[in-house]
Amino acid sequence: MATQVEPKELNIREQMARIDEALENAARHRAEIEQRREETRLANRNSIFQAMIASAALLGAGAALAKLFFP
């Protein structure tokens, strides 16, 4: 049959090395994904903080203009 592996071609150590390499790659990708998730969480927090600062600045500018035009 074509699906059976010849005993000469069966190299357990080579297959184990490939499996170990695949596991290392998977672990590396999981670490990258987790790092990007953390960066995204941090970016969301930074955006909210920057939006609050921008609104406070606009309110301050509006108050200054109101005081200037309506003493």
PDB file of N, CA and C in Angstrom:
ATOM      1  N   MET A   1       0.837  -1.185   0.000  1.00  0.00           N
ATOM      2  CA  MET A   1       0.000   0.000   0.000  1.00  0.00           C
ATOM      3  C   MET A   1       0.879   1.245   0.000  1.00  0.00           C
ATOM      4  N   ALA A   2       0.321   2.310  -0.529  1.00  0.00           N
ATOM      5  CA  ALA A   2       1.077   3.543  -0.637  1.00  0.00           C
ATOM      6  C   ALA A   2       1.100   4.317   0.672  1.00  0.00           C
ATOM      7  N   THR A   3       0.150   4.062   1.564  1.00  0.00           N
ATOM      8  CA  THR A   3       0.081   4.833   2.804  1.00  0.00           C
ATOM      9  C   THR A   3       0.991   4.293   3.895  1.00  0.00           C
ATOM     10  N   GLN A   4       1.520   3.136   3.742  1.00  0.00           N
ATOM     11  CA  GLN A   4       2.382   2.577   4.773  1.00  0.00           C
ATOM     12  C   GLN A   4       3.802   3.100   4.596  1.00  0.00           C
ATOM     13  N   VAL A   5       4.463   3.290   5.726  1.00  0.00           N
ATOM     14  CA  VAL A   5       5.829   3.794   5.731  1.00  0.00           C
ATOM     15  C   VAL A   5       6.781   2.603   5.762  1.00  0.00           C
ATOM     16  N   GLU A   6       7.782   2.673   4.944  1.00  0.00           N
ATOM     17  CA  GLU A   6       8.791   1.619   4.928  1.00  0.00           C
ATOM     18  C   GLU A   6       9.568   1.654   6.249  1.00  0.00           C
ATOM     19  N   PRO A   7       9.953   0.523   6.783  1.00  0.00           N
ATOM     20  CA  PRO A   7      10.717   0.514   8.037  1.00  0.00           C
ATOM     21  C   PRO A   7      12.043   1.263   7.916  1.00  0.00           C
ATOM     22  N   LYS A   8      12.629   1.300   6.720  1.00  0.00           N
ATOM     23  CA  LYS A   8      13.888   2.035   6.550  1.00  0.00           C
ATOM     24  C   LYS A   8      13.663   3.542   6.697  1.00  0.00           C
ATOM     25  N   GLU A   9      12.483   4.028   6.290  1.00  0.00           N
ATOM     26  CA  GLU A   9      12.195   5.465   6.325  1.00  0.00           C
ATOM     27  C   GLU A   9      11.725   5.929   7.698  1.00  0.00           C
ATOM     28  N   LEU A  10      11.339   5.016   8.532  1.00  0.00           N
ATOM     29  CA  LEU A  10      10.810   5.357   9.847  1.00  0.00           C
ATOM     30  C   LEU A  10      11.956   5.717  10.792  1.00  0.00           C
ATOM     31  N   ASN A  11      12.082   6.992  11.063  1.00  0.00           N
ATOM     32  CA  ASN A  11      13.132   7.478  11.947  1.00  0.00           C
ATOM     33  C   ASN A  11      12.457   8.211  13.113  1.00  0.00           C
ATOM     34  N   ILE A  12      12.347   7.521  14.209  1.00  0.00           N
ATOM     35  CA  ILE A  12      11.624   8.045  15.370  1.00  0.00           C
ATOM     36  C   ILE A  12      12.272   9.328  15.903  1.00  0.00           C
ATOM     37  N   ARG A  13      13.577   9.356  15.949  1.00  0.00           N
ATOM     38  CA  ARG A  13      14.264  10.548  16.479  1.00  0.00           C
ATOM     39  C   ARG A  13      13.991  11.761  15.598  1.00  0.00           C
ATOM     40  N   GLU A  14      13.976  11.563  14.301  1.00  0.00           N
ATOM     41  CA  GLU A  14      13.701  12.672  13.389  1.00  0.00           C
ATOM     42  C   GLU A  14      12.266  13.169  13.583  1.00  0.00           C
ATOM     43  N   GLN A  15      11.340  12.244  13.750  1.00  0.00           N
ATOM     44  CA  GLN A  15       9.959  12.637  13.975  1.00  0.00           C
ATOM     45  C   GLN A  15       9.800  13.354  15.310  1.00  0.00           C
ATOM     46  N   MET A  16      10.490  12.882  16.332  1.00  0.00           N
ATOM     47  CA  MET A  16      10.423  13.548  17.639  1.00  0.00           C
ATOM     48  C   MET A  16      11.021  14.946  17.561  1.00  0.00           C
ATOM     49  N   ALA A  17      12.087  15.104  16.789  1.00  0.00           N
ATOM     50  CA  ALA A  17      12.687  16.427  16.616  1.00  0.00           C
ATOM     51  C   ALA A  17      11.714  17.367  15.915  1.00  0.00           C
ATOM     52  N   ARG A  18      11.010  16.858  14.915  1.00  0.00           N
ATOM     53  CA  ARG A  18      10.018  17.692  14.219  1.00  0.00           C
ATOM     54  C   ARG A  18       8.878  18.075  15.152  1.00  0.00           C
ATOM     55  N   ILE A  19       8.440  17.137  15.962  1.00  0.00           N
ATOM     56  CA  ILE A  19       7.364  17.431  16.916  1.00  0.00           C
ATOM     57  C   ILE A  19       7.822  18.465  17.935  1.00  0.00           C
ATOM     58  N   ASP A  20       9.050  18.312  18.450  1.00  0.00           N
ATOM     59  CA  ASP A  20       9.583  19.288  19.408  1.00  0.00           C
ATOM     60  C   ASP A  20       9.676  20.673  18.779  1.00  0.00           C
ATOM     61  N   GLU A  21      10.123  20.730  17.531  1.00  0.00           N
ATOM     62  CA  GLU A  21      10.228  22.011  16.837  1.00  0.00           C
ATOM     63  C   GLU A  21       8.846  22.633  16.652  1.00  0.00           C
ATOM     64  N   ALA A  22       7.867  21.810  16.296  1.00  0.00           N
ATOM     65  CA  ALA A  22       6.503  22.317  16.132  1.00  0.00           C
ATOM     66  C   ALA A  22       5.957  22.836  17.459  1.00  0.00           C
ATOM     67  N   LEU A  23       6.236  22.135  18.559  1.00  0.00           N
ATOM     68  CA  LEU A  23       5.789  22.594  19.872  1.00  0.00           C
ATOM     69  C   LEU A  23       6.453  23.908  20.276  1.00  0.00           C
ATOM     70  N   GLU A  24       7.744  24.052  19.966  1.00  0.00           N
ATOM     71  CA  GLU A  24       8.450  25.298  20.265  1.00  0.00           C
ATOM     72  C   GLU A  24       7.870  26.459  19.463  1.00  0.00           C
ATOM     73  N   ASN A  25       7.583  26.191  18.180  1.00  0.00           N
ATOM     74  CA  ASN A  25       6.979  27.243  17.347  1.00  0.00           C
ATOM     75  C   ASN A  25       5.611  27.644  17.881  1.00  0.00           C
ATOM     76  N   ALA A  26       4.819  26.659  18.297  1.00  0.00           N
ATOM     77  CA  ALA A  26       3.504  26.962  18.845  1.00  0.00           C
ATOM     78  C   ALA A  26       3.622  27.782  20.123  1.00  0.00           C
ATOM     79  N   ALA A  27       4.562  27.423  20.981  1.00  0.00           N
ATOM     80  CA  ALA A  27       4.759  28.184  22.226  1.00  0.00           C
ATOM     81  C   ALA A  27       5.218  29.610  21.932  1.00  0.00           C
ATOM     82  N   ARG A  28       6.091  29.757  20.947  1.00  0.00           N
ATOM     83  CA  ARG A  28       6.573  31.088  20.570  1.00  0.00           C
ATOM     84  C   ARG A  28       5.412  31.942  20.040  1.00  0.00           C
ATOM     85  N   HIS A  29       4.559  31.342  19.222  1.00  0.00           N
ATOM     86  CA  HIS A  29       3.422  32.085  18.685  1.00  0.00           C
ATOM     87  C   HIS A  29       2.426  32.451  19.785  1.00  0.00           C
ATOM     88  N   ARG A  30       2.215  31.535  20.723  1.00  0.00           N
ATOM     89  CA  ARG A  30       1.316  31.852  21.837  1.00  0.00           C
ATOM     90  C   ARG A  30       1.868  33.015  22.651  1.00  0.00           C
ATOM     91  N   ALA A  31       3.182  33.049  22.863  1.00  0.00           N
ATOM     92  CA  ALA A  31       3.795  34.145  23.622  1.00  0.00           C
ATOM     93  C   ALA A  31       3.639  35.474  22.876  1.00  0.00           C
ATOM     94  N   GLU A  32       3.810  35.447  21.556  1.00  0.00           N
ATOM     95  CA  GLU A  32       3.638  36.664  20.762  1.00  0.00           C
ATOM     96  C   GLU A  32       2.201  37.162  20.824  1.00  0.00           C
ATOM     97  N   ILE A  33       1.260  36.235  20.742  1.00  0.00           N
ATOM     98  CA  ILE A  33      -0.150  36.617  20.797  1.00  0.00           C
ATOM     99  C   ILE A  33      -0.474  37.234  22.152  1.00  0.00           C
ATOM    100  N   GLU A  34       0.020  36.640  23.216  1.00  0.00           N
ATOM    101  CA  GLU A  34      -0.236  37.175  24.557  1.00  0.00           C
ATOM    102  C   GLU A  34       0.392  38.557  24.722  1.00  0.00           C
ATOM    103  N   GLN A  35       1.577  38.744  24.164  1.00  0.00           N
ATOM    104  CA  GLN A  35       2.235  40.052  24.236  1.00  0.00           C
ATOM    105  C   GLN A  35       1.416  41.097  23.477  1.00  0.00           C
ATOM    106  N   ARG A  36       0.912  40.730  22.310  1.00  0.00           N
ATOM    107  CA  ARG A  36       0.100  41.680  21.537  1.00  0.00           C
ATOM    108  C   ARG A  36      -1.213  41.987  22.238  1.00  0.00           C
ATOM    109  N   ARG A  37      -1.798  40.989  22.908  1.00  0.00           N
ATOM    110  CA  ARG A  37      -3.021  41.246  23.665  1.00  0.00           C
ATOM    111  C   ARG A  37      -2.758  42.241  24.786  1.00  0.00           C
ATOM    112  N   GLU A  38      -1.640  42.080  25.478  1.00  0.00           N
ATOM    113  CA  GLU A  38      -1.295  43.001  26.563  1.00  0.00           C
ATOM    114  C   GLU A  38      -1.056  44.405  26.017  1.00  0.00           C
ATOM    115  N   GLU A  39      -0.380  44.499  24.876  1.00  0.00           N
ATOM    116  CA  GLU A  39      -0.158  45.814  24.262  1.00  0.00           C
ATOM    117  C   GLU A  39      -1.481  46.455  23.864  1.00  0.00           C
ATOM    118  N   THR A  40      -2.419  45.648  23.387  1.00  0.00           N
ATOM    119  CA  THR A  40      -3.727  46.173  23.007  1.00  0.00           C
ATOM    120  C   THR A  40      -4.477  46.676  24.224  1.00  0.00           C
ATOM    121  N   ARG A  41      -4.423  45.915  25.315  1.00  0.00           N
ATOM    122  CA  ARG A  41      -5.072  46.380  26.550  1.00  0.00           C
ATOM    123  C   ARG A  41      -4.475  47.704  27.003  1.00  0.00           C
ATOM    124  N   LEU A  42      -3.159  47.800  26.946  1.00  0.00           N
ATOM    125  CA  LEU A  42      -2.478  49.025  27.357  1.00  0.00           C
ATOM    126  C   LEU A  42      -2.847  50.180  26.433  1.00  0.00           C
ATOM    127  N   ALA A  43      -2.927  49.914  25.131  1.00  0.00           N
ATOM    128  CA  ALA A  43      -3.286  50.961  24.172  1.00  0.00           C
ATOM    129  C   ALA A  43      -4.708  51.455  24.435  1.00  0.00           C
ATOM    130  N   ASN A  44      -5.628  50.551  24.772  1.00  0.00           N
ATOM    131  CA  ASN A  44      -6.999  50.965  25.069  1.00  0.00           C
ATOM    132  C   ASN A  44      -7.037  51.857  26.298  1.00  0.00           C
ATOM    133  N   ARG A  45      -6.291  51.496  27.313  1.00  0.00           N
ATOM    134  CA  ARG A  45      -6.250  52.330  28.517  1.00  0.00           C
ATOM    135  C   ARG A  45      -5.651  53.695  28.207  1.00  0.00           C
ATOM    136  N   ASN A  46      -4.595  53.715  27.402  1.00  0.00           N
ATOM    137  CA  ASN A  46      -3.967  54.979  27.041  1.00  0.00           C
ATOM    138  C   ASN A  46      -4.925  55.857  26.244  1.00  0.00           C
ATOM    139  N   SER A  47      -5.701  55.257  25.331  1.00  0.00           N
ATOM    140  CA  SER A  47      -6.636  56.052  24.541  1.00  0.00           C
ATOM    141  C   SER A  47      -7.694  56.693  25.413  1.00  0.00           C
ATOM    142  N   ILE A  48      -8.212  55.923  26.377  1.00  0.00           N
ATOM    143  CA  ILE A  48      -9.233  56.480  27.279  1.00  0.00           C
ATOM    144  C   ILE A  48      -8.643  57.622  28.099  1.00  0.00           C
ATOM    145  N   PHE A  49      -7.431  57.430  28.596  1.00  0.00           N
ATOM    146  CA  PHE A  49      -6.775  58.475  29.386  1.00  0.00           C
ATOM    147  C   PHE A  49      -6.532  59.727  28.539  1.00  0.00           C
ATOM    148  N   GLN A  50      -6.085  59.544  27.303  1.00  0.00           N
ATOM    149  CA  GLN A  50      -5.846  60.683  26.420  1.00  0.00           C
ATOM    150  C   GLN A  50      -7.151  61.398  26.074  1.00  0.00           C
ATOM    151  N   ALA A  51      -8.237  60.647  25.904  1.00  0.00           N
ATOM    152  CA  ALA A  51      -9.531  61.264  25.623  1.00  0.00           C
ATOM    153  C   ALA A  51      -9.994  62.110  26.803  1.00  0.00           C
ATOM    154  N   MET A  52      -9.757  61.626  28.026  1.00  0.00           N
ATOM    155  CA  MET A  52     -10.142  62.405  29.207  1.00  0.00           C
ATOM    156  C   MET A  52      -9.312  63.683  29.298  1.00  0.00           C
ATOM    157  N   ILE A  53      -8.033  63.591  28.997  1.00  0.00           N
ATOM    158  CA  ILE A  53      -7.177  64.780  29.034  1.00  0.00           C
ATOM    159  C   ILE A  53      -7.612  65.785  27.969  1.00  0.00           C
ATOM    160  N   ALA A  54      -7.935  65.277  26.764  1.00  0.00           N
ATOM    161  CA  ALA A  54      -8.372  66.168  25.681  1.00  0.00           C
ATOM    162  C   ALA A  54      -9.675  66.862  26.047  1.00  0.00           C
ATOM    163  N   SER A  55     -10.631  66.122  26.649  1.00  0.00           N
ATOM    164  CA  SER A  55     -11.884  66.769  27.031  1.00  0.00           C
ATOM    165  C   SER A  55     -11.661  67.817  28.111  1.00  0.00           C
ATOM    166  N   ALA A  56     -10.782  67.526  29.047  1.00  0.00           N
ATOM    167  CA  ALA A  56     -10.491  68.512  30.093  1.00  0.00           C
ATOM    168  C   ALA A  56      -9.863  69.763  29.489  1.00  0.00           C
ATOM    169  N   ALA A  57      -8.985  69.579  28.496  1.00  0.00           N
ATOM    170  CA  ALA A  57      -8.361  70.728  27.845  1.00  0.00           C
ATOM    171  C   ALA A  57      -9.398  71.548  27.083  1.00  0.00           C
ATOM    172  N   LEU A  58     -10.324  70.869  26.399  1.00  0.00           N
ATOM    173  CA  LEU A  58     -11.369  71.596  25.672  1.00  0.00           C
ATOM    174  C   LEU A  58     -12.298  72.338  26.627  1.00  0.00           C
ATOM    175  N   LEU A  59     -12.625  71.710  27.746  1.00  0.00           N
ATOM    176  CA  LEU A  59     -13.458  72.404  28.739  1.00  0.00           C
ATOM    177  C   LEU A  59     -12.731  73.624  29.305  1.00  0.00           C
ATOM    178  N   GLY A  60     -11.448  73.469  29.568  1.00  0.00           N
ATOM    179  CA  GLY A  60     -10.663  74.601  30.075  1.00  0.00           C
ATOM    180  C   GLY A  60     -10.586  75.727  29.066  1.00  0.00           C
ATOM    181  N   ALA A  61     -10.386  75.370  27.787  1.00  0.00           N
ATOM    182  CA  ALA A  61     -10.326  76.402  26.744  1.00  0.00           C
ATOM    183  C   ALA A  61     -11.681  77.077  26.592  1.00  0.00           C
ATOM    184  N   GLY A  62     -12.753  76.287  26.673  1.00  0.00           N
ATOM    185  CA  GLY A  62     -14.096  76.877  26.585  1.00  0.00           C
ATOM    186  C   GLY A  62     -14.372  77.823  27.736  1.00  0.00           C
ATOM    187  N   ALA A  63     -13.931  77.443  28.909  1.00  0.00           N
ATOM    188  CA  ALA A  63     -14.131  78.313  30.080  1.00  0.00           C
ATOM    189  C   ALA A  63     -13.323  79.591  29.924  1.00  0.00           C
ATOM    190  N   ALA A  64     -12.107  79.485  29.405  1.00  0.00           N
ATOM    191  CA  ALA A  64     -11.286  80.686  29.211  1.00  0.00           C
ATOM    192  C   ALA A  64     -11.920  81.612  28.174  1.00  0.00           C
ATOM    193  N   LEU A  65     -12.431  81.037  27.096  1.00  0.00           N
ATOM    194  CA  LEU A  65     -13.090  81.865  26.069  1.00  0.00           C
ATOM    195  C   LEU A  65     -14.372  82.492  26.623  1.00  0.00           C
ATOM    196  N   ALA A  66     -15.124  81.736  27.402  1.00  0.00           N
ATOM    197  CA  ALA A  66     -16.356  82.279  27.980  1.00  0.00           C
ATOM    198  C   ALA A  66     -16.037  83.437  28.922  1.00  0.00           C
ATOM    199  N   LYS A  67     -14.967  83.283  29.692  1.00  0.00           N
ATOM    200  CA  LYS A  67     -14.588  84.358  30.618  1.00  0.00           C
ATOM    201  C   LYS A  67     -14.100  85.580  29.844  1.00  0.00           C
ATOM    202  N   LEU A  68     -13.441  85.338  28.696  1.00  0.00           N
ATOM    203  CA  LEU A  68     -12.929  86.446  27.889  1.00  0.00           C
ATOM    204  C   LEU A  68     -14.067  87.214  27.236  1.00  0.00           C
ATOM    205  N   PHE A  69     -15.051  86.503  26.680  1.00  0.00           N
ATOM    206  CA  PHE A  69     -16.118  87.174  25.960  1.00  0.00           C
ATOM    207  C   PHE A  69     -17.280  87.589  26.845  1.00  0.00           C
ATOM    208  N   PHE A  70     -17.477  86.919  27.972  1.00  0.00           N
ATOM    209  CA  PHE A  70     -18.578  87.239  28.876  1.00  0.00           C
ATOM    210  C   PHE A  70     -18.028  87.491  30.283  1.00  0.00           C
ATOM    211  N   PRO A  71     -17.468  88.707  30.496  1.00  0.00           N
ATOM    212  CA  PRO A  71     -16.851  88.973  31.811  1.00  0.00           C
ATOM    213  C   PRO A  71     -17.813  89.112  32.938  1.00  0.00           C
TER     214      PRO A  71
END
